[in-house]
C-alpha atoms as a PDB file:
ATOM      1  CA  UNK A   1    -159.761  69.932  79.248  1.00  0.00           C
ATOM      2  CA  UNK A   2    -157.536  70.281  82.455  1.00  0.00           C
ATOM      3  CA  UNK A   3    -158.118  67.896  85.400  1.00  0.00           C
ATOM      4  CA  UNK A   4    -159.069  69.989  88.204  1.00  0.00           C
ATOM      5  CA  UNK A   5    -156.767  69.946  90.889  1.00  0.00           C
ATOM      6  CA  UNK A   6    -157.460  67.526  93.592  1.00  0.00           C
ATOM      7  CA  UNK A   7    -158.898  69.086  96.686  1.00  0.00           C
ATOM      8  CA  UNK A   8    -159.556  67.741 100.050  1.00  0.00           C
ATOM      9  CA  UNK A   9    -162.804  68.400 101.924  1.00  0.00           C
ATOM     10  CA  UNK A  10    -161.152  71.157 104.014  1.00  0.00           C
ATOM     11  CA  UNK A  11    -160.234  73.030 100.908  1.00  0.00           C
ATOM     12  CA  UNK A  12    -163.665  72.446  99.246  1.00  0.00           C
ATOM     13  CA  UNK A  13    -165.348  73.827 102.213  1.00  0.00           C
ATOM     14  CA  UNK A  14    -162.770  77.059 102.274  1.00  0.00           C
ATOM     15  CA  UNK A  15    -163.417  77.644  98.247  1.00  0.00           C
ATOM     16  CA  UNK A  16    -167.145  77.605  98.650  1.00  0.00           C
ATOM     17  CA  UNK A  17    -166.929  80.014 101.331  1.00  0.00           C
ATOM     18  CA  UNK A  18    -164.675  82.348  99.440  1.00  0.00           C
ATOM     19  CA  UNK A  19    -166.946  82.135  96.606  1.00  0.00           C
ATOM     20  CA  UNK A  20    -170.066  82.803  98.661  1.00  0.00           C
ATOM     21  CA  UNK A  21    -168.247  85.700 100.221  1.00  0.00           C
ATOM     22  CA  UNK A  22    -167.268  87.277  96.786  1.00  0.00           C
ATOM     23  CA  UNK A  23    -170.567  86.541  95.357  1.00  0.00           C
ATOM     24  CA  UNK A  24    -172.347  88.344  98.176  1.00  0.00           C
ATOM     25  CA  UNK A  25    -169.879  91.220  98.308  1.00  0.00           C
ATOM     26  CA  UNK A  26    -170.553  91.526  94.336  1.00  0.00           C
ATOM     27  CA  UNK A  27    -174.410  92.258  94.448  1.00  0.00           C
ATOM     28  CA  UNK A  28    -173.631  95.116  96.103  1.00  0.00           C
ATOM     29  CA  UNK A  29    -171.071  96.581  93.942  1.00  0.00           C
ATOM     30  CA  UNK A  30    -170.738  94.274  90.773  1.00  0.00           C
ATOM     31  CA  UNK A  31    -167.978  95.934  89.287  1.00  0.00           C
ATOM     32  CA  UNK A  32    -165.590  95.787  92.261  1.00  0.00           C
ATOM     33  CA  UNK A  33    -162.469  94.501  90.642  1.00  0.00           C
ATOM     34  CA  UNK A  34    -160.324  92.804  93.214  1.00  0.00           C
ATOM     35  CA  UNK A  35    -163.293  91.056  94.211  1.00  0.00           C
ATOM     36  CA  UNK A  36    -164.114  89.723  90.612  1.00  0.00           C
ATOM     37  CA  UNK A  37    -160.308  88.676  90.431  1.00  0.00           C
ATOM     38  CA  UNK A  38    -160.545  86.653  93.581  1.00  0.00           C
ATOM     39  CA  UNK A  39    -164.150  85.155  92.413  1.00  0.00           C
ATOM     40  CA  UNK A  40    -162.610  83.972  89.320  1.00  0.00           C
ATOM     41  CA  UNK A  41    -159.311  82.460  90.994  1.00  0.00           C
ATOM     42  CA  UNK A  42    -161.697  80.683  93.323  1.00  0.00           C
ATOM     43  CA  UNK A  43    -164.042  79.222  90.807  1.00  0.00           C
ATOM     44  CA  UNK A  44    -161.062  78.145  88.847  1.00  0.00           C
ATOM     45  CA  UNK A  45    -159.469  76.248  91.598  1.00  0.00           C
ATOM     46  CA  UNK A  46    -163.171  74.695  92.475  1.00  0.00           C
ATOM     47  CA  UNK A  47    -163.445  73.808  88.876  1.00  0.00           C
ATOM     48  CA  UNK A  48    -166.120  76.106  87.882  1.00  0.00           C
ATOM     49  CA  UNK A  49    -164.827  76.868  84.680  1.00  0.00           C
ATOM     50  CA  UNK A  50    -167.724  78.516  82.678  1.00  0.00           C
ATOM     51  CA  UNK A  51    -168.506  80.627  86.048  1.00  0.00           C
ATOM     52  CA  UNK A  52    -164.528  81.591  85.715  1.00  0.00           C
ATOM     53  CA  UNK A  53    -165.148  82.636  82.212  1.00  0.00           C
ATOM     54  CA  UNK A  54    -168.026  84.743  82.696  1.00  0.00           C
ATOM     55  CA  UNK A  55    -165.945  86.495  85.506  1.00  0.00           C
ATOM     56  CA  UNK A  56    -163.150  86.918  83.263  1.00  0.00           C
ATOM     57  CA  UNK A  57    -165.142  88.090  80.305  1.00  0.00           C
ATOM     58  CA  UNK A  58    -166.619  90.971  83.015  1.00  0.00           C
ATOM     59  CA  UNK A  59    -162.820  91.710  83.935  1.00  0.00           C
ATOM     60  CA  UNK A  60    -161.799  92.335  80.194  1.00  0.00           C
ATOM     61  CA  UNK A  61    -164.797  94.796  79.910  1.00  0.00           C
ATOM     62  CA  UNK A  62    -163.688  96.548  82.988  1.00  0.00           C
ATOM     63  CA  UNK A  63    -159.948  96.525  82.379  1.00  0.00           C
ATOM     64  CA  UNK A  64    -159.913  96.369  78.530  1.00  0.00           C
ATOM     65  CA  UNK A  65    -156.125  97.120  78.509  1.00  0.00           C
ATOM     66  CA  UNK A  66    -154.798  94.885  81.233  1.00  0.00           C
ATOM     67  CA  UNK A  67    -152.830  92.149  79.800  1.00  0.00           C
ATOM     68  CA  UNK A  68    -153.495  89.749  82.673  1.00  0.00           C
ATOM     69  CA  UNK A  69    -157.338  89.870  82.315  1.00  0.00           C
ATOM     70  CA  UNK A  70    -157.133  89.001  78.885  1.00  0.00           C
ATOM     71  CA  UNK A  71    -154.502  86.343  79.351  1.00  0.00           C
ATOM     72  CA  UNK A  72    -157.094  84.964  82.235  1.00  0.00           C
ATOM     73  CA  UNK A  73    -159.442  84.881  79.873  1.00  0.00           C
ATOM     74  CA  UNK A  74    -157.194  82.821  77.440  1.00  0.00           C
ATOM     75  CA  UNK A  75    -156.644  80.355  80.164  1.00  0.00           C
ATOM     76  CA  UNK A  76    -160.488  79.915  80.913  1.00  0.00           C
ATOM     77  CA  UNK A  77    -161.222  79.372  77.139  1.00  0.00           C
ATOM     78  CA  UNK A  78    -158.670  76.858  77.480  1.00  0.00           C
ATOM     79  CA  UNK A  79    -160.100  75.448  80.279  1.00  0.00           C
ATOM     80  CA  UNK A  80    -163.389  74.757  78.481  1.00  0.00           C
ATOM     81  CA  UNK A  81    -161.838  73.416  75.490  1.00  0.00           C
ATOM     82  CA  UNK A  82    -162.493  76.523  73.374  1.00  0.00           C
ATOM     83  CA  UNK A  83    -159.350  76.782  71.300  1.00  0.00           C
ATOM     84  CA  UNK A  84    -160.147  79.004  69.033  1.00  0.00           C
ATOM     85  CA  UNK A  85    -161.135  81.707  71.506  1.00  0.00           C
ATOM     86  CA  UNK A  86    -158.552  81.118  73.759  1.00  0.00           C
ATOM     87  CA  UNK A  87    -155.599  81.658  71.048  1.00  0.00           C
ATOM     88  CA  UNK A  88    -157.287  84.845  70.247  1.00  0.00           C
ATOM     89  CA  UNK A  89    -157.480  85.943  73.842  1.00  0.00           C
ATOM     90  CA  UNK A  90    -153.766  84.937  74.467  1.00  0.00           C
ATOM     91  CA  UNK A  91    -152.916  87.021  71.270  1.00  0.00           C
ATOM     92  CA  UNK A  92    -154.848  90.129  72.623  1.00  0.00           C
ATOM     93  CA  UNK A  93    -153.007  89.673  75.744  1.00  0.00           C
ATOM     94  CA  UNK A  94    -149.535  89.446  74.113  1.00  0.00           C
ATOM     95  CA  UNK A  95    -150.321  92.517  72.246  1.00  0.00           C
ATOM     96  CA  UNK A  96    -151.428  94.455  75.419  1.00  0.00           C
ATOM     97  CA  UNK A  97    -148.103  93.617  77.140  1.00  0.00           C
ATOM     98  CA  UNK A  98    -148.185  90.074  78.705  1.00  0.00           C
ATOM     99  CA  UNK A  99    -144.786  88.938  77.998  1.00  0.00           C
ATOM    100  CA  UNK A 100    -143.804  85.685  80.405  1.00  0.00           C
ATOM    101  CA  UNK A 101    -143.523  82.922  77.528  1.00  0.00           C
ATOM    102  CA  UNK A 102    -141.712  80.384  79.816  1.00  0.00           C
ATOM    103  CA  UNK A 103    -144.959  80.782  82.031  1.00  0.00           C
ATOM    104  CA  UNK A 104    -147.340  80.371  79.046  1.00  0.00           C
ATOM    105  CA  UNK A 105    -145.492  77.309  78.177  1.00  0.00           C
ATOM    106  CA  UNK A 106    -146.010  75.441  81.224  1.00  0.00           C
ATOM    107  CA  UNK A 107    -149.228  77.140  82.603  1.00  0.00           C
ATOM    108  CA  UNK A 108    -151.690  73.937  83.472  1.00  0.00           C
ATOM    109  CA  UNK A 109    -154.856  76.282  82.157  1.00  0.00           C
ATOM    110  CA  UNK A 110    -153.316  76.355  78.786  1.00  0.00           C
ATOM    111  CA  UNK A 111    -152.531  72.707  78.566  1.00  0.00           C
ATOM    112  CA  UNK A 112    -155.546  72.141  75.730  1.00  0.00           C
ATOM    113  CA  UNK A 113    -154.204  74.974  73.533  1.00  0.00           C
ATOM    114  CA  UNK A 114    -150.605  73.938  73.836  1.00  0.00           C
ATOM    115  CA  UNK A 115    -151.363  70.770  71.973  1.00  0.00           C
ATOM    116  CA  UNK A 116    -152.544  73.050  69.114  1.00  0.00           C
ATOM    117  CA  UNK A 117    -150.112  73.782  66.138  1.00  0.00           C
ATOM    118  CA  UNK A 118    -151.247  77.337  66.403  1.00  0.00           C
ATOM    119  CA  UNK A 119    -150.040  78.059  70.003  1.00  0.00           C
ATOM    120  CA  UNK A 120    -146.545  76.525  68.925  1.00  0.00           C
ATOM    121  CA  UNK A 121    -146.318  78.873  66.100  1.00  0.00           C
ATOM    122  CA  UNK A 122    -147.477  82.072  68.144  1.00  0.00           C
ATOM    123  CA  UNK A 123    -144.821  80.981  70.942  1.00  0.00           C
ATOM    124  CA  UNK A 124    -141.968  80.300  68.104  1.00  0.00           C
ATOM    125  CA  UNK A 125    -142.799  84.045  66.618  1.00  0.00           C
ATOM    126  CA  UNK A 126    -142.864  85.652  69.875  1.00  0.00           C
ATOM    127  CA  UNK A 127    -139.580  84.081  70.864  1.00  0.00           C
ATOM    128  CA  UNK A 128    -137.997  85.084  67.136  1.00  0.00           C
ATOM    129  CA  UNK A 129    -139.154  88.722  68.115  1.00  0.00           C
ATOM    130  CA  UNK A 130    -137.519  88.918  71.189  1.00  0.00           C
ATOM    131  CA  UNK A 131    -134.183  87.134  69.983  1.00  0.00           C
ATOM    132  CA  UNK A 132    -134.515  83.903  71.738  1.00  0.00           C
ATOM    133  CA  UNK A 133    -134.153  80.209  70.981  1.00  0.00           C
ATOM    134  CA  UNK A 134    -136.310  78.709  68.781  1.00  0.00           C
ATOM    135  CA  UNK A 135    -135.818  74.623  68.052  1.00  0.00           C
ATOM    136  CA  UNK A 136    -132.348  75.039  69.521  1.00  0.00           C
ATOM    137  CA  UNK A 137    -131.003  77.692  67.198  1.00  0.00           C
ATOM    138  CA  UNK A 138    -130.855  80.912  68.657  1.00  0.00           C
ATOM    139  CA  UNK A 139    -131.568  83.581  66.122  1.00  0.00           C
ATOM    140  CA  UNK A 140    -128.872  85.634  64.340  1.00  0.00           C
ATOM    141  CA  UNK A 141    -128.767  89.334  64.337  1.00  0.00           C
ATOM    142  CA  UNK A 142    -126.828  91.884  62.117  1.00  0.00           C
ATOM    143  CA  UNK A 143    -124.148  93.927  63.981  1.00  0.00           C
ATOM    144  CA  UNK A 144    -126.471  96.954  64.101  1.00  0.00           C
ATOM    145  CA  UNK A 145    -128.869  94.811  66.029  1.00  0.00           C
ATOM    146  CA  UNK A 146    -131.545  94.504  63.432  1.00  0.00           C
ATOM    147  CA  UNK A 147    -133.160  91.233  63.056  1.00  0.00           C
ATOM    148  CA  UNK A 148    -132.138  88.540  60.150  1.00  0.00           C
ATOM    149  CA  UNK A 149    -134.645  87.193  58.545  1.00  0.00           C
ATOM    150  CA  UNK A 150    -133.645  83.542  58.462  1.00  0.00           C
ATOM    151  CA  UNK A 151    -131.513  81.274  60.635  1.00  0.00           C
ATOM    152  CA  UNK A 152    -128.056  81.137  59.220  1.00  0.00           C
ATOM    153  CA  UNK A 153    -124.826  79.816  59.940  1.00  0.00           C
ATOM    154  CA  UNK A 154    -123.046  81.725  63.083  1.00  0.00           C
ATOM    155  CA  UNK A 155    -119.774  82.030  60.812  1.00  0.00           C
ATOM    156  CA  UNK A 156    -121.441  84.021  57.991  1.00  0.00           C
ATOM    157  CA  UNK A 157    -119.850  87.444  58.249  1.00  0.00           C
ATOM    158  CA  UNK A 158    -122.194  90.274  59.552  1.00  0.00           C
ATOM    159  CA  UNK A 159    -124.244  88.166  61.744  1.00  0.00           C
ATOM    160  CA  UNK A 160    -123.703  87.197  65.651  1.00  0.00           C
ATOM    161  CA  UNK A 161    -125.494  84.858  68.165  1.00  0.00           C
ATOM    162  CA  UNK A 162    -128.105  87.040  70.142  1.00  0.00           C
ATOM    163  CA  UNK A 163    -127.504  87.169  73.904  1.00  0.00           C
ATOM    164  CA  UNK A 164    -129.997  85.061  75.887  1.00  0.00           C
ATOM    165  CA  UNK A 165    -132.565  86.754  77.811  1.00  0.00           C
ATOM    166  CA  UNK A 166    -130.479  86.462  81.148  1.00  0.00           C
ATOM    167  CA  UNK A 167    -127.407  87.761  79.069  1.00  0.00           C
ATOM    168  CA  UNK A 168    -129.389  90.788  77.871  1.00  0.00           C
ATOM    169  CA  UNK A 169    -130.480  91.694  81.652  1.00  0.00           C
ATOM    170  CA  UNK A 170    -133.840  92.051  80.566  1.00  0.00           C
ATOM    171  CA  UNK A 171    -136.786  92.497  83.298  1.00  0.00           C
ATOM    172  CA  UNK A 172    -139.276  90.085  83.717  1.00  0.00           C
ATOM    173  CA  UNK A 173    -142.918  90.749  83.409  1.00  0.00           C
ATOM    174  CA  UNK A 174    -143.943  91.956  86.845  1.00  0.00           C
ATOM    175  CA  UNK A 175    -147.416  90.636  87.051  1.00  0.00           C
ATOM    176  CA  UNK A 176    -148.611  87.091  86.510  1.00  0.00           C
ATOM    177  CA  UNK A 177    -151.960  85.051  85.991  1.00  0.00           C
ATOM    178  CA  UNK A 178    -153.929  83.551  88.665  1.00  0.00           C
ATOM    179  CA  UNK A 179    -152.339  79.766  87.934  1.00  0.00           C
ATOM    180  CA  UNK A 180    -149.007  80.849  88.994  1.00  0.00           C
ATOM    181  CA  UNK A 181    -147.334  79.209  91.848  1.00  0.00           C
ATOM    182  CA  UNK A 182    -147.267  80.347  95.314  1.00  0.00           C
ATOM    183  CA  UNK A 183    -143.802  82.044  95.188  1.00  0.00           C
ATOM    184  CA  UNK A 184    -144.725  83.949  92.169  1.00  0.00           C
ATOM    185  CA  UNK A 185    -147.951  85.325  93.794  1.00  0.00           C
ATOM    186  CA  UNK A 186    -146.054  86.351  96.853  1.00  0.00           C
ATOM    187  CA  UNK A 187    -143.394  88.233  94.658  1.00  0.00           C
ATOM    188  CA  UNK A 188    -146.074  89.749  92.316  1.00  0.00           C
ATOM    189  CA  UNK A 189    -149.582  91.664  92.896  1.00  0.00           C
ATOM    190  CA  UNK A 190    -152.446  91.180  90.310  1.00  0.00           C
END
Protein backbone atom coordinates (compact mmCIF):
# COMPACT_ATOMS: atom_id res chain seq x y z
CA UNK A 1 0.00 0.00 0.00
CA UNK A 2 1.23 3.47 -0.84
CA UNK A 3 2.44 5.71 1.94
CA UNK A 4 0.13 8.58 2.67
CA UNK A 5 1.33 12.00 1.60
CA UNK A 6 2.88 13.86 4.53
CA UNK A 7 0.43 16.52 5.61
CA UNK A 8 1.01 19.29 8.10
CA UNK A 9 -1.51 20.17 10.79
CA UNK A 10 -3.06 22.99 8.74
CA UNK A 11 -3.52 20.72 5.71
CA UNK A 12 -5.12 18.01 7.88
CA UNK A 13 -7.51 20.55 9.38
CA UNK A 14 -8.39 21.82 5.92
CA UNK A 15 -9.07 18.31 4.62
CA UNK A 16 -11.13 17.47 7.68
CA UNK A 17 -13.20 20.60 7.07
CA UNK A 18 -13.68 19.66 3.38
CA UNK A 19 -14.67 16.12 4.31
CA UNK A 20 -17.19 17.34 6.87
CA UNK A 21 -18.60 19.86 4.40
CA UNK A 22 -19.08 17.32 1.59
CA UNK A 23 -20.45 14.64 3.92
CA UNK A 24 -23.08 17.09 5.22
CA UNK A 25 -23.91 18.22 1.69
CA UNK A 26 -24.39 14.61 0.61
CA UNK A 27 -26.81 13.87 3.47
CA UNK A 28 -29.46 15.90 1.64
CA UNK A 29 -28.36 14.98 -1.88
CA UNK A 30 -26.53 11.61 -1.87
CA UNK A 31 -26.19 11.45 -5.66
CA UNK A 32 -24.53 14.86 -6.05
CA UNK A 33 -21.72 13.73 -8.36
CA UNK A 34 -19.46 16.78 -8.06
CA UNK A 35 -19.55 16.61 -4.25
CA UNK A 36 -18.81 12.87 -4.38
CA UNK A 37 -15.81 13.45 -6.65
CA UNK A 38 -14.40 16.06 -4.28
CA UNK A 39 -15.15 13.95 -1.20
CA UNK A 40 -13.39 10.94 -2.76
CA UNK A 41 -10.36 13.10 -3.49
CA UNK A 42 -10.32 14.47 0.07
CA UNK A 43 -10.65 10.98 1.58
CA UNK A 44 -7.75 9.73 -0.52
CA UNK A 45 -5.51 12.70 0.29
CA UNK A 46 -6.35 12.25 3.98
CA UNK A 47 -5.44 8.56 3.80
CA UNK A 48 -8.99 7.26 4.32
CA UNK A 49 -8.66 4.75 1.48
CA UNK A 50 -11.59 2.50 2.44
CA UNK A 51 -13.92 5.52 2.51
CA UNK A 52 -12.49 6.70 -0.82
CA UNK A 53 -13.17 3.25 -2.25
CA UNK A 54 -16.81 3.41 -1.11
CA UNK A 55 -17.20 6.79 -2.83
CA UNK A 56 -15.59 5.50 -6.02
CA UNK A 57 -17.94 2.50 -6.07
CA UNK A 58 -20.88 4.88 -5.77
CA UNK A 59 -19.51 7.10 -8.55
CA UNK A 60 -19.12 4.12 -10.88
CA UNK A 61 -22.76 3.21 -10.23
CA UNK A 62 -23.83 6.79 -10.99
CA UNK A 63 -21.46 7.19 -13.95
CA UNK A 64 -21.06 3.68 -15.37
CA UNK A 65 -19.69 4.88 -18.73
CA UNK A 66 -17.20 7.36 -17.28
CA UNK A 67 -13.58 6.29 -17.81
CA UNK A 68 -12.24 8.53 -15.03
CA UNK A 69 -14.67 7.17 -12.43
CA UNK A 70 -13.53 3.66 -13.30
CA UNK A 71 -9.86 4.71 -13.27
CA UNK A 72 -10.28 6.23 -9.80
CA UNK A 73 -11.92 3.00 -8.65
CA UNK A 74 -8.81 1.14 -9.85
CA UNK A 75 -6.66 3.59 -7.88
CA UNK A 76 -8.71 3.05 -4.72
CA UNK A 77 -8.44 -0.72 -5.01
CA UNK A 78 -4.69 -0.39 -5.51
CA UNK A 79 -4.37 1.83 -2.44
CA UNK A 80 -6.00 -0.82 -0.23
CA UNK A 81 -3.88 -3.57 -1.81
CA UNK A 82 -6.63 -5.35 -3.79
CA UNK A 83 -4.60 -6.00 -6.94
CA UNK A 84 -7.14 -8.21 -8.71
CA UNK A 85 -9.99 -5.72 -8.36
CA UNK A 86 -7.68 -2.86 -9.31
CA UNK A 87 -6.61 -4.58 -12.52
CA UNK A 88 -10.21 -5.40 -13.37
CA UNK A 89 -11.27 -1.76 -12.82
CA UNK A 90 -8.38 -0.37 -14.86
CA UNK A 91 -9.27 -2.67 -17.78
CA UNK A 92 -12.83 -1.36 -17.63
CA UNK A 93 -11.54 2.25 -17.52
CA UNK A 94 -9.45 1.58 -20.62
CA UNK A 95 -12.43 0.01 -22.44
CA UNK A 96 -14.43 3.12 -21.59
CA UNK A 97 -11.76 5.39 -23.06
CA UNK A 98 -9.06 6.06 -20.47
CA UNK A 99 -5.89 6.48 -22.51
CA UNK A 100 -3.18 8.28 -20.52
CA UNK A 101 -0.72 5.38 -20.43
CA UNK A 102 2.18 7.61 -19.36
CA UNK A 103 0.28 8.78 -16.30
CA UNK A 104 -0.80 5.23 -15.41
CA UNK A 105 2.84 4.22 -15.34
CA UNK A 106 3.75 6.86 -12.76
CA UNK A 107 0.50 7.47 -10.86
CA UNK A 108 1.41 7.00 -7.18
CA UNK A 109 -2.05 5.56 -6.49
CA UNK A 110 -1.24 2.62 -8.77
CA UNK A 111 2.10 1.83 -7.16
CA UNK A 112 0.80 -1.47 -5.76
CA UNK A 113 -0.44 -2.89 -9.08
CA UNK A 114 2.57 -1.65 -11.06
CA UNK A 115 4.56 -4.32 -9.20
CA UNK A 116 2.30 -7.01 -10.68
CA UNK A 117 3.35 -8.59 -13.99
CA UNK A 118 -0.26 -8.46 -15.23
CA UNK A 119 -0.14 -4.65 -15.12
CA UNK A 120 3.01 -4.57 -17.24
CA UNK A 121 1.41 -6.94 -19.76
CA UNK A 122 -1.69 -4.73 -19.88
CA UNK A 123 0.39 -1.59 -20.48
CA UNK A 124 2.53 -3.33 -23.12
CA UNK A 125 -0.63 -4.49 -24.91
CA UNK A 126 -2.03 -0.94 -24.88
CA UNK A 127 1.20 0.48 -26.22
CA UNK A 128 1.28 -2.13 -29.00
CA UNK A 129 -2.32 -1.40 -29.97
CA UNK A 130 -1.52 2.29 -30.20
CA UNK A 131 1.73 1.86 -32.09
CA UNK A 132 4.15 2.74 -29.33
CA UNK A 133 7.50 1.68 -27.95
CA UNK A 134 7.57 -1.60 -26.00
CA UNK A 135 10.83 -2.54 -24.33
CA UNK A 136 12.73 -0.08 -26.51
CA UNK A 137 11.50 -1.51 -29.83
CA UNK A 138 8.99 0.37 -31.92
CA UNK A 139 6.28 -1.72 -33.49
CA UNK A 140 6.42 -2.21 -37.20
CA UNK A 141 3.48 -1.61 -39.48
CA UNK A 142 2.80 -2.76 -43.00
CA UNK A 143 2.72 0.01 -45.55
CA UNK A 144 -1.09 -0.05 -45.60
CA UNK A 145 -1.10 0.77 -41.88
CA UNK A 146 -2.11 -2.63 -40.52
CA UNK A 147 -0.22 -3.72 -37.43
CA UNK A 148 2.37 -6.46 -37.77
CA UNK A 149 1.97 -9.35 -35.38
CA UNK A 150 5.60 -9.43 -34.28
CA UNK A 151 8.69 -7.28 -33.89
CA UNK A 152 10.89 -7.56 -36.95
CA UNK A 153 13.84 -5.85 -38.49
CA UNK A 154 13.12 -2.47 -39.99
CA UNK A 155 14.95 -3.54 -43.11
CA UNK A 156 12.39 -6.24 -43.95
CA UNK A 157 10.54 -5.31 -47.10
CA UNK A 158 7.05 -3.96 -46.59
CA UNK A 159 7.59 -2.76 -43.04
CA UNK A 160 8.40 0.57 -41.48
CA UNK A 161 8.85 2.08 -38.03
CA UNK A 162 5.66 3.55 -36.61
CA UNK A 163 5.53 7.21 -35.73
CA UNK A 164 5.88 8.22 -32.12
CA UNK A 165 2.75 9.64 -30.48
CA UNK A 166 4.29 13.12 -30.76
CA UNK A 167 5.04 12.58 -34.46
CA UNK A 168 1.45 11.47 -35.01
CA UNK A 169 0.18 14.64 -33.34
CA UNK A 170 -2.23 12.51 -31.36
CA UNK A 171 -4.55 14.23 -28.94
CA UNK A 172 -4.02 13.49 -25.25
CA UNK A 173 -6.90 12.46 -23.04
CA UNK A 174 -8.53 15.67 -21.84
CA UNK A 175 -9.49 14.20 -18.48
CA UNK A 176 -7.26 12.81 -15.83
CA UNK A 177 -7.59 11.21 -12.43
CA UNK A 178 -7.72 12.74 -8.97
CA UNK A 179 -4.04 12.19 -8.20
CA UNK A 180 -2.86 14.29 -11.12
CA UNK A 181 -0.47 17.16 -10.70
CA UNK A 182 -1.65 20.69 -9.93
CA UNK A 183 -0.73 21.72 -13.49
CA UNK A 184 -2.93 18.95 -14.90
CA UNK A 185 -5.81 19.90 -12.60
CA UNK A 186 -5.54 23.49 -13.78
CA UNK A 187 -5.70 22.34 -17.42
CA UNK A 188 -8.34 19.65 -17.19
CA UNK A 189 -11.72 19.43 -15.59
CA UNK A 190 -12.92 16.18 -14.04
